[in-house]
Amino acid sequence: MSQELVAELKTLFIEGLHLEDVNAEDIGADEPLFGEGLGLDSIDALEIAVLLDRQYGVKITSEDERNQEIFASLNALAEFVTENRSK
């Protein structure tokens, strides 16, 4: 997993989720994306799945048993994208 991909994901999140008061530096790569970390919710998870599909060709479904693991942190998500991207 590259730091370049993590940086791309930070920008994608900020722009795609319209996180107006968040800078890329504010997003820790190992912090939780949901709850006490970045504070995203289930609607954000759906939006992230759409963004990742459009940008990288990565398919994430709500039925995937690994979703909690995939969305655990930005690093975990970047690793999943690296392993599953088609673009």
PDB file of N, CA and C in Angstrom:
ATOM      1  N   MET A   1       0.851  -1.174   0.000  1.00  0.00           N
ATOM      2  CA  MET A   1       0.000   0.000   0.000  1.00  0.00           C
ATOM      3  C   MET A   1       0.898   1.239   0.000  1.00  0.00           C
ATOM      4  N   SER A   2       0.548   2.169  -0.846  1.00  0.00           N
ATOM      5  CA  SER A   2       1.399   3.343  -0.971  1.00  0.00           C
ATOM      6  C   SER A   2       0.813   4.551  -0.238  1.00  0.00           C
ATOM      7  N   GLN A   3       1.716   5.408   0.184  1.00  0.00           N
ATOM      8  CA  GLN A   3       1.286   6.653   0.821  1.00  0.00           C
ATOM      9  C   GLN A   3       0.569   7.542  -0.191  1.00  0.00           C
ATOM     10  N   GLU A   4       0.923   7.365  -1.475  1.00  0.00           N
ATOM     11  CA  GLU A   4       0.258   8.126  -2.535  1.00  0.00           C
ATOM     12  C   GLU A   4      -1.233   7.772  -2.591  1.00  0.00           C
ATOM     13  N   LEU A   5      -1.544   6.484  -2.472  1.00  0.00           N
ATOM     14  CA  LEU A   5      -2.937   6.050  -2.485  1.00  0.00           C
ATOM     15  C   LEU A   5      -3.676   6.576  -1.253  1.00  0.00           C
ATOM     16  N   VAL A   6      -3.042   6.545  -0.102  1.00  0.00           N
ATOM     17  CA  VAL A   6      -3.655   7.076   1.120  1.00  0.00           C
ATOM     18  C   VAL A   6      -3.969   8.560   0.938  1.00  0.00           C
ATOM     19  N   ALA A   7      -3.042   9.303   0.347  1.00  0.00           N
ATOM     20  CA  ALA A   7      -3.265  10.729   0.088  1.00  0.00           C
ATOM     21  C   ALA A   7      -4.421  10.928  -0.894  1.00  0.00           C
ATOM     22  N   GLU A   8      -4.490  10.086  -1.931  1.00  0.00           N
ATOM     23  CA  GLU A   8      -5.594  10.164  -2.892  1.00  0.00           C
ATOM     24  C   GLU A   8      -6.931   9.913  -2.198  1.00  0.00           C
ATOM     25  N   LEU A   9      -6.965   8.914  -1.317  1.00  0.00           N
ATOM     26  CA  LEU A   9      -8.199   8.584  -0.606  1.00  0.00           C
ATOM     27  C   LEU A   9      -8.635   9.723   0.305  1.00  0.00           C
ATOM     28  N   LYS A  10      -7.686  10.368   0.949  1.00  0.00           N
ATOM     29  CA  LYS A  10      -8.019  11.514   1.805  1.00  0.00           C
ATOM     30  C   LYS A  10      -8.700  12.596   0.979  1.00  0.00           C
ATOM     31  N   THR A  11      -8.133  12.913  -0.170  1.00  0.00           N
ATOM     32  CA  THR A  11      -8.714  13.932  -1.049  1.00  0.00           C
ATOM     33  C   THR A  11     -10.080  13.487  -1.555  1.00  0.00           C
ATOM     34  N   LEU A  12     -10.197  12.220  -1.927  1.00  0.00           N
ATOM     35  CA  LEU A  12     -11.467  11.676  -2.403  1.00  0.00           C
ATOM     36  C   LEU A  12     -12.547  11.797  -1.332  1.00  0.00           C
ATOM     37  N   PHE A  13     -12.203  11.479  -0.096  1.00  0.00           N
ATOM     38  CA  PHE A  13     -13.148  11.586   1.019  1.00  0.00           C
ATOM     39  C   PHE A  13     -13.581  13.036   1.234  1.00  0.00           C
ATOM     40  N   ILE A  14     -12.612  13.924   1.298  1.00  0.00           N
ATOM     41  CA  ILE A  14     -12.910  15.334   1.575  1.00  0.00           C
ATOM     42  C   ILE A  14     -13.813  15.913   0.491  1.00  0.00           C
ATOM     43  N   GLU A  15     -13.486  15.633  -0.763  1.00  0.00           N
ATOM     44  CA  GLU A  15     -14.281  16.179  -1.866  1.00  0.00           C
ATOM     45  C   GLU A  15     -15.591  15.423  -2.043  1.00  0.00           C
ATOM     46  N   GLY A  16     -15.535  14.102  -2.022  1.00  0.00           N
ATOM     47  CA  GLY A  16     -16.713  13.286  -2.299  1.00  0.00           C
ATOM     48  C   GLY A  16     -17.750  13.299  -1.189  1.00  0.00           C
ATOM     49  N   LEU A  17     -17.292  13.429   0.058  1.00  0.00           N
ATOM     50  CA  LEU A  17     -18.212  13.453   1.197  1.00  0.00           C
ATOM     51  C   LEU A  17     -18.500  14.873   1.670  1.00  0.00           C
ATOM     52  N   HIS A  18     -17.912  15.841   0.986  1.00  0.00           N
ATOM     53  CA  HIS A  18     -18.106  17.254   1.311  1.00  0.00           C
ATOM     54  C   HIS A  18     -17.763  17.549   2.779  1.00  0.00           C
ATOM     55  N   LEU A  19     -16.579  17.109   3.178  1.00  0.00           N
ATOM     56  CA  LEU A  19     -16.107  17.336   4.554  1.00  0.00           C
ATOM     57  C   LEU A  19     -15.478  18.729   4.602  1.00  0.00           C
ATOM     58  N   GLU A  20     -16.296  19.717   4.815  1.00  0.00           N
ATOM     59  CA  GLU A  20     -15.877  21.113   4.703  1.00  0.00           C
ATOM     60  C   GLU A  20     -14.851  21.547   5.741  1.00  0.00           C
ATOM     61  N   ASP A  21     -14.947  21.040   6.934  1.00  0.00           N
ATOM     62  CA  ASP A  21     -14.045  21.485   8.005  1.00  0.00           C
ATOM     63  C   ASP A  21     -12.886  20.527   8.239  1.00  0.00           C
ATOM     64  N   VAL A  22     -12.580  19.684   7.255  1.00  0.00           N
ATOM     65  CA  VAL A  22     -11.534  18.678   7.412  1.00  0.00           C
ATOM     66  C   VAL A  22     -10.464  18.886   6.349  1.00  0.00           C
ATOM     67  N   ASN A  23      -9.202  18.867   6.775  1.00  0.00           N
ATOM     68  CA  ASN A  23      -8.058  18.912   5.869  1.00  0.00           C
ATOM     69  C   ASN A  23      -7.448  17.522   5.812  1.00  0.00           C
ATOM     70  N   ALA A  24      -6.691  17.254   4.757  1.00  0.00           N
ATOM     71  CA  ALA A  24      -6.051  15.943   4.614  1.00  0.00           C
ATOM     72  C   ALA A  24      -5.182  15.615   5.833  1.00  0.00           C
ATOM     73  N   GLU A  25      -4.532  16.643   6.385  1.00  0.00           N
ATOM     74  CA  GLU A  25      -3.663  16.434   7.552  1.00  0.00           C
ATOM     75  C   GLU A  25      -4.460  16.022   8.788  1.00  0.00           C
ATOM     76  N   ASP A  26      -5.763  16.335   8.801  1.00  0.00           N
ATOM     77  CA  ASP A  26      -6.621  16.006   9.937  1.00  0.00           C
ATOM     78  C   ASP A  26      -7.012  14.533   9.964  1.00  0.00           C
ATOM     79  N   ILE A  27      -6.828  13.839   8.853  1.00  0.00           N
ATOM     80  CA  ILE A  27      -7.255  12.448   8.752  1.00  0.00           C
ATOM     81  C   ILE A  27      -6.063  11.543   9.009  1.00  0.00           C
ATOM     82  N   GLY A  28      -6.086  10.855  10.144  1.00  0.00           N
ATOM     83  CA  GLY A  28      -5.015   9.920  10.477  1.00  0.00           C
ATOM     84  C   GLY A  28      -5.219   8.603   9.737  1.00  0.00           C
ATOM     85  N   ALA A  29      -4.175   8.095   9.144  1.00  0.00           N
ATOM     86  CA  ALA A  29      -4.278   6.879   8.328  1.00  0.00           C
ATOM     87  C   ALA A  29      -4.666   5.654   9.145  1.00  0.00           C
ATOM     88  N   ASP A  30      -4.372   5.657  10.438  1.00  0.00           N
ATOM     89  CA  ASP A  30      -4.703   4.517  11.292  1.00  0.00           C
ATOM     90  C   ASP A  30      -5.893   4.776  12.210  1.00  0.00           C
ATOM     91  N   GLU A  31      -6.467   5.964  12.146  1.00  0.00           N
ATOM     92  CA  GLU A  31      -7.624   6.284  12.988  1.00  0.00           C
ATOM     93  C   GLU A  31      -8.876   5.617  12.439  1.00  0.00           C
ATOM     94  N   PRO A  32      -9.814   5.291  13.310  1.00  0.00           N
ATOM     95  CA  PRO A  32     -11.085   4.725  12.827  1.00  0.00           C
ATOM     96  C   PRO A  32     -11.805   5.733  11.933  1.00  0.00           C
ATOM     97  N   LEU A  33     -12.440   5.233  10.891  1.00  0.00           N
ATOM     98  CA  LEU A  33     -13.205   6.106  10.003  1.00  0.00           C
ATOM     99  C   LEU A  33     -14.564   6.441  10.598  1.00  0.00           C
ATOM    100  N   PHE A  34     -15.090   5.539  11.427  1.00  0.00           N
ATOM    101  CA  PHE A  34     -16.422   5.711  11.999  1.00  0.00           C
ATOM    102  C   PHE A  34     -16.320   5.901  13.503  1.00  0.00           C
ATOM    103  N   GLY A  35     -17.375   6.433  14.096  1.00  0.00           N
ATOM    104  CA  GLY A  35     -17.395   6.621  15.543  1.00  0.00           C
ATOM    105  C   GLY A  35     -16.442   7.711  15.980  1.00  0.00           C
ATOM    106  N   GLU A  36     -15.582   7.386  16.938  1.00  0.00           N
ATOM    107  CA  GLU A  36     -14.724   8.392  17.553  1.00  0.00           C
ATOM    108  C   GLU A  36     -13.600   8.886  16.655  1.00  0.00           C
ATOM    109  N   GLY A  37     -13.333   8.219  15.551  1.00  0.00           N
ATOM    110  CA  GLY A  37     -12.277   8.652  14.639  1.00  0.00           C
ATOM    111  C   GLY A  37     -12.731   9.817  13.779  1.00  0.00           C
ATOM    112  N   LEU A  38     -12.864   9.574  12.489  1.00  0.00           N
ATOM    113  CA  LEU A  38     -13.287  10.617  11.556  1.00  0.00           C
ATOM    114  C   LEU A  38     -14.760  10.951  11.735  1.00  0.00           C
ATOM    115  N   GLY A  39     -15.512  10.050  12.351  1.00  0.00           N
ATOM    116  CA  GLY A  39     -16.911  10.330  12.665  1.00  0.00           C
ATOM    117  C   GLY A  39     -17.876  10.094  11.519  1.00  0.00           C
ATOM    118  N   LEU A  40     -17.520   9.242  10.578  1.00  0.00           N
ATOM    119  CA  LEU A  40     -18.419   8.947   9.469  1.00  0.00           C
ATOM    120  C   LEU A  40     -19.558   8.054   9.936  1.00  0.00           C
ATOM    121  N   ASP A  41     -20.626   7.982   9.127  1.00  0.00           N
ATOM    122  CA  ASP A  41     -21.769   7.136   9.468  1.00  0.00           C
ATOM    123  C   ASP A  41     -22.079   6.173   8.315  1.00  0.00           C
ATOM    124  N   SER A  42     -23.170   5.417   8.439  1.00  0.00           N
ATOM    125  CA  SER A  42     -23.487   4.392   7.450  1.00  0.00           C
ATOM    126  C   SER A  42     -23.785   4.984   6.073  1.00  0.00           C
ATOM    127  N   ILE A  43     -24.346   6.161   6.019  1.00  0.00           N
ATOM    128  CA  ILE A  43     -24.592   6.826   4.731  1.00  0.00           C
ATOM    129  C   ILE A  43     -23.259   7.151   4.069  1.00  0.00           C
ATOM    130  N   ASP A  44     -22.294   7.604   4.874  1.00  0.00           N
ATOM    131  CA  ASP A  44     -20.954   7.884   4.344  1.00  0.00           C
ATOM    132  C   ASP A  44     -20.324   6.614   3.788  1.00  0.00           C
ATOM    133  N   ALA A  45     -20.549   5.479   4.446  1.00  0.00           N
ATOM    134  CA  ALA A  45     -19.998   4.215   3.967  1.00  0.00           C
ATOM    135  C   ALA A  45     -20.533   3.884   2.578  1.00  0.00           C
ATOM    136  N   LEU A  46     -21.818   4.117   2.363  1.00  0.00           N
ATOM    137  CA  LEU A  46     -22.403   3.887   1.046  1.00  0.00           C
ATOM    138  C   LEU A  46     -21.791   4.820   0.004  1.00  0.00           C
ATOM    139  N   GLU A  47     -21.624   6.066   0.379  1.00  0.00           N
ATOM    140  CA  GLU A  47     -21.025   7.033  -0.541  1.00  0.00           C
ATOM    141  C   GLU A  47     -19.580   6.670  -0.855  1.00  0.00           C
ATOM    142  N   ILE A  48     -18.843   6.206   0.142  1.00  0.00           N
ATOM    143  CA  ILE A  48     -17.459   5.785  -0.075  1.00  0.00           C
ATOM    144  C   ILE A  48     -17.420   4.611  -1.050  1.00  0.00           C
ATOM    145  N   ALA A  49     -18.324   3.658  -0.885  1.00  0.00           N
ATOM    146  CA  ALA A  49     -18.371   2.503  -1.782  1.00  0.00           C
ATOM    147  C   ALA A  49     -18.591   2.952  -3.223  1.00  0.00           C
ATOM    148  N   VAL A  50     -19.474   3.918  -3.437  1.00  0.00           N
ATOM    149  CA  VAL A  50     -19.735   4.442  -4.784  1.00  0.00           C
ATOM    150  C   VAL A  50     -18.491   5.161  -5.323  1.00  0.00           C
ATOM    151  N   LEU A  51     -17.865   5.983  -4.486  1.00  0.00           N
ATOM    152  CA  LEU A  51     -16.662   6.701  -4.898  1.00  0.00           C
ATOM    153  C   LEU A  51     -15.545   5.745  -5.292  1.00  0.00           C
ATOM    154  N   LEU A  52     -15.359   4.689  -4.502  1.00  0.00           N
ATOM    155  CA  LEU A  52     -14.296   3.726  -4.793  1.00  0.00           C
ATOM    156  C   LEU A  52     -14.574   2.951  -6.071  1.00  0.00           C
ATOM    157  N   ASP A  53     -15.842   2.659  -6.311  1.00  0.00           N
ATOM    158  CA  ASP A  53     -16.219   1.972  -7.551  1.00  0.00           C
ATOM    159  C   ASP A  53     -15.903   2.860  -8.748  1.00  0.00           C
ATOM    160  N   ARG A  54     -16.291   4.112  -8.680  1.00  0.00           N
ATOM    161  CA  ARG A  54     -16.058   5.034  -9.793  1.00  0.00           C
ATOM    162  C   ARG A  54     -14.576   5.302 -10.032  1.00  0.00           C
ATOM    163  N   GLN A  55     -13.847   5.516  -8.949  1.00  0.00           N
ATOM    164  CA  GLN A  55     -12.439   5.916  -9.065  1.00  0.00           C
ATOM    165  C   GLN A  55     -11.497   4.748  -9.349  1.00  0.00           C
ATOM    166  N   TYR A  56     -11.748   3.610  -8.716  1.00  0.00           N
ATOM    167  CA  TYR A  56     -10.794   2.499  -8.775  1.00  0.00           C
ATOM    168  C   TYR A  56     -11.389   1.191  -9.290  1.00  0.00           C
ATOM    169  N   GLY A  57     -12.696   1.158  -9.549  1.00  0.00           N
ATOM    170  CA  GLY A  57     -13.335  -0.075  -9.997  1.00  0.00           C
ATOM    171  C   GLY A  57     -13.455  -1.115  -8.901  1.00  0.00           C
ATOM    172  N   VAL A  58     -13.426  -0.669  -7.650  1.00  0.00           N
ATOM    173  CA  VAL A  58     -13.507  -1.562  -6.496  1.00  0.00           C
ATOM    174  C   VAL A  58     -14.968  -1.737  -6.102  1.00  0.00           C
ATOM    175  N   LYS A  59     -15.398  -2.973  -5.966  1.00  0.00           N
ATOM    176  CA  LYS A  59     -16.776  -3.271  -5.587  1.00  0.00           C
ATOM    177  C   LYS A  59     -16.818  -3.660  -4.104  1.00  0.00           C
ATOM    178  N   ILE A  60     -17.639  -2.939  -3.347  1.00  0.00           N
ATOM    179  CA  ILE A  60     -17.873  -3.279  -1.943  1.00  0.00           C
ATOM    180  C   ILE A  60     -19.384  -3.354  -1.775  1.00  0.00           C
ATOM    181  N   THR A  61     -19.869  -4.487  -1.308  1.00  0.00           N
ATOM    182  CA  THR A  61     -21.308  -4.639  -1.101  1.00  0.00           C
ATOM    183  C   THR A  61     -21.630  -4.630   0.382  1.00  0.00           C
ATOM    184  N   SER A  62     -22.860  -4.306   0.693  1.00  0.00           N
ATOM    185  CA  SER A  62     -23.275  -4.261   2.095  1.00  0.00           C
ATOM    186  C   SER A  62     -23.266  -5.653   2.725  1.00  0.00           C
ATOM    187  N   GLU A  63     -23.327  -6.691   1.907  1.00  0.00           N
ATOM    188  CA  GLU A  63     -23.340  -8.053   2.427  1.00  0.00           C
ATOM    189  C   GLU A  63     -21.943  -8.606   2.729  1.00  0.00           C
ATOM    190  N   ASP A  64     -20.906  -7.892   2.326  1.00  0.00           N
ATOM    191  CA  ASP A  64     -19.539  -8.385   2.525  1.00  0.00           C
ATOM    192  C   ASP A  64     -19.238  -8.500   4.016  1.00  0.00           C
ATOM    193  N   GLU A  65     -18.882  -9.695   4.442  1.00  0.00           N
ATOM    194  CA  GLU A  65     -18.596  -9.953   5.858  1.00  0.00           C
ATOM    195  C   GLU A  65     -17.366  -9.206   6.350  1.00  0.00           C
ATOM    196  N   ARG A  66     -16.525  -8.736   5.443  1.00  0.00           N
ATOM    197  CA  ARG A  66     -15.284  -8.052   5.816  1.00  0.00           C
ATOM    198  C   ARG A  66     -15.443  -6.547   5.953  1.00  0.00           C
ATOM    199  N   ASN A  67     -16.652  -6.006   5.801  1.00  0.00           N
ATOM    200  CA  ASN A  67     -16.831  -4.555   5.794  1.00  0.00           C
ATOM    201  C   ASN A  67     -16.251  -3.861   7.019  1.00  0.00           C
ATOM    202  N   GLN A  68     -16.441  -4.429   8.182  1.00  0.00           N
ATOM    203  CA  GLN A  68     -15.891  -3.801   9.395  1.00  0.00           C
ATOM    204  C   GLN A  68     -14.367  -3.737   9.311  1.00  0.00           C
ATOM    205  N   GLU A  69     -13.770  -4.777   8.775  1.00  0.00           N
ATOM    206  CA  GLU A  69     -12.314  -4.830   8.596  1.00  0.00           C
ATOM    207  C   GLU A  69     -11.874  -3.863   7.487  1.00  0.00           C
ATOM    208  N   ILE A  70     -12.596  -3.854   6.368  1.00  0.00           N
ATOM    209  CA  ILE A  70     -12.258  -3.006   5.224  1.00  0.00           C
ATOM    210  C   ILE A  70     -12.313  -1.534   5.615  1.00  0.00           C
ATOM    211  N   PHE A  71     -13.349  -1.137   6.354  1.00  0.00           N
ATOM    212  CA  PHE A  71     -13.550   0.258   6.723  1.00  0.00           C
ATOM    213  C   PHE A  71     -12.952   0.616   8.086  1.00  0.00           C
ATOM    214  N   ALA A  72     -12.089  -0.216   8.625  1.00  0.00           N
ATOM    215  CA  ALA A  72     -11.525   0.024   9.955  1.00  0.00           C
ATOM    216  C   ALA A  72     -10.720   1.323  10.016  1.00  0.00           C
ATOM    217  N   SER A  73      -9.951   1.597   8.981  1.00  0.00           N
ATOM    218  CA  SER A  73      -9.118   2.806   8.941  1.00  0.00           C
ATOM    219  C   SER A  73      -8.801   3.119   7.487  1.00  0.00           C
ATOM    220  N   LEU A  74      -8.188   4.240   7.260  1.00  0.00           N
ATOM    221  CA  LEU A  74      -7.791   4.614   5.912  1.00  0.00           C
ATOM    222  C   LEU A  74      -6.747   3.646   5.370  1.00  0.00           C
ATOM    223  N   ASN A  75      -5.817   3.227   6.209  1.00  0.00           N
ATOM    224  CA  ASN A  75      -4.814   2.254   5.771  1.00  0.00           C
ATOM    225  C   ASN A  75      -5.455   0.929   5.372  1.00  0.00           C
ATOM    226  N   ALA A  76      -6.439   0.466   6.142  1.00  0.00           N
ATOM    227  CA  ALA A  76      -7.129  -0.784   5.816  1.00  0.00           C
ATOM    228  C   ALA A  76      -7.874  -0.652   4.493  1.00  0.00           C
ATOM    229  N   LEU A  77      -8.515   0.483   4.287  1.00  0.00           N
ATOM    230  CA  LEU A  77      -9.243   0.720   3.048  1.00  0.00           C
ATOM    231  C   LEU A  77      -8.273   0.805   1.869  1.00  0.00           C
ATOM    232  N   ALA A  78      -7.150   1.462   2.050  1.00  0.00           N
ATOM    233  CA  ALA A  78      -6.145   1.566   0.986  1.00  0.00           C
ATOM    234  C   ALA A  78      -5.602   0.186   0.619  1.00  0.00           C
ATOM    235  N   GLU A  79      -5.407  -0.654   1.606  1.00  0.00           N
ATOM    236  CA  GLU A  79      -4.930  -2.011   1.355  1.00  0.00           C
ATOM    237  C   GLU A  79      -5.963  -2.786   0.533  1.00  0.00           C
ATOM    238  N   PHE A  80      -7.233  -2.647   0.897  1.00  0.00           N
ATOM    239  CA  PHE A  80      -8.303  -3.319   0.159  1.00  0.00           C
ATOM    240  C   PHE A  80      -8.353  -2.815  -1.279  1.00  0.00           C
ATOM    241  N   VAL A  81      -8.241  -1.504  -1.480  1.00  0.00           N
ATOM    242  CA  VAL A  81      -8.263  -0.937  -2.821  1.00  0.00           C
ATOM    243  C   VAL A  81      -7.078  -1.469  -3.629  1.00  0.00           C
ATOM    244  N   THR A  82      -5.901  -1.503  -3.030  1.00  0.00           N
ATOM    245  CA  THR A  82      -4.703  -1.995  -3.721  1.00  0.00           C
ATOM    246  C   THR A  82      -4.905  -3.426  -4.204  1.00  0.00           C
ATOM    247  N   GLU A  83      -5.511  -4.256  -3.369  1.00  0.00           N
ATOM    248  CA  GLU A  83      -5.709  -5.670  -3.697  1.00  0.00           C
ATOM    249  C   GLU A  83      -6.834  -5.904  -4.692  1.00  0.00           C
ATOM    250  N   ASN A  84      -7.791  -4.975  -4.800  1.00  0.00           N
ATOM    251  CA  ASN A  84      -9.001  -5.240  -5.580  1.00  0.00           C
ATOM    252  C   ASN A  84      -9.288  -4.251  -6.705  1.00  0.00           C
ATOM    253  N   ARG A  85      -8.417  -3.306  -6.937  1.00  0.00           N
ATOM    254  CA  ARG A  85      -8.715  -2.289  -7.942  1.00  0.00           C
ATOM    255  C   ARG A  85      -8.627  -2.851  -9.351  1.00  0.00           C
ATOM    256  N   SER A  86      -9.481  -2.323 -10.218  1.00  0.00           N
ATOM    257  CA  SER A  86      -9.449  -2.715 -11.617  1.00  0.00           C
ATOM    258  C   SER A  86      -9.145  -1.522 -12.530  1.00  0.00           C
ATOM    259  N   LYS A  87      -8.960  -0.349 -11.929  1.00  0.00           N
ATOM    260  CA  LYS A  87      -8.612   0.855 -12.693  1.00  0.00           C
ATOM    261  C   LYS A  87      -7.311   1.433 -12.178  1.00  0.00           C
TER     262      LYS A  87
END
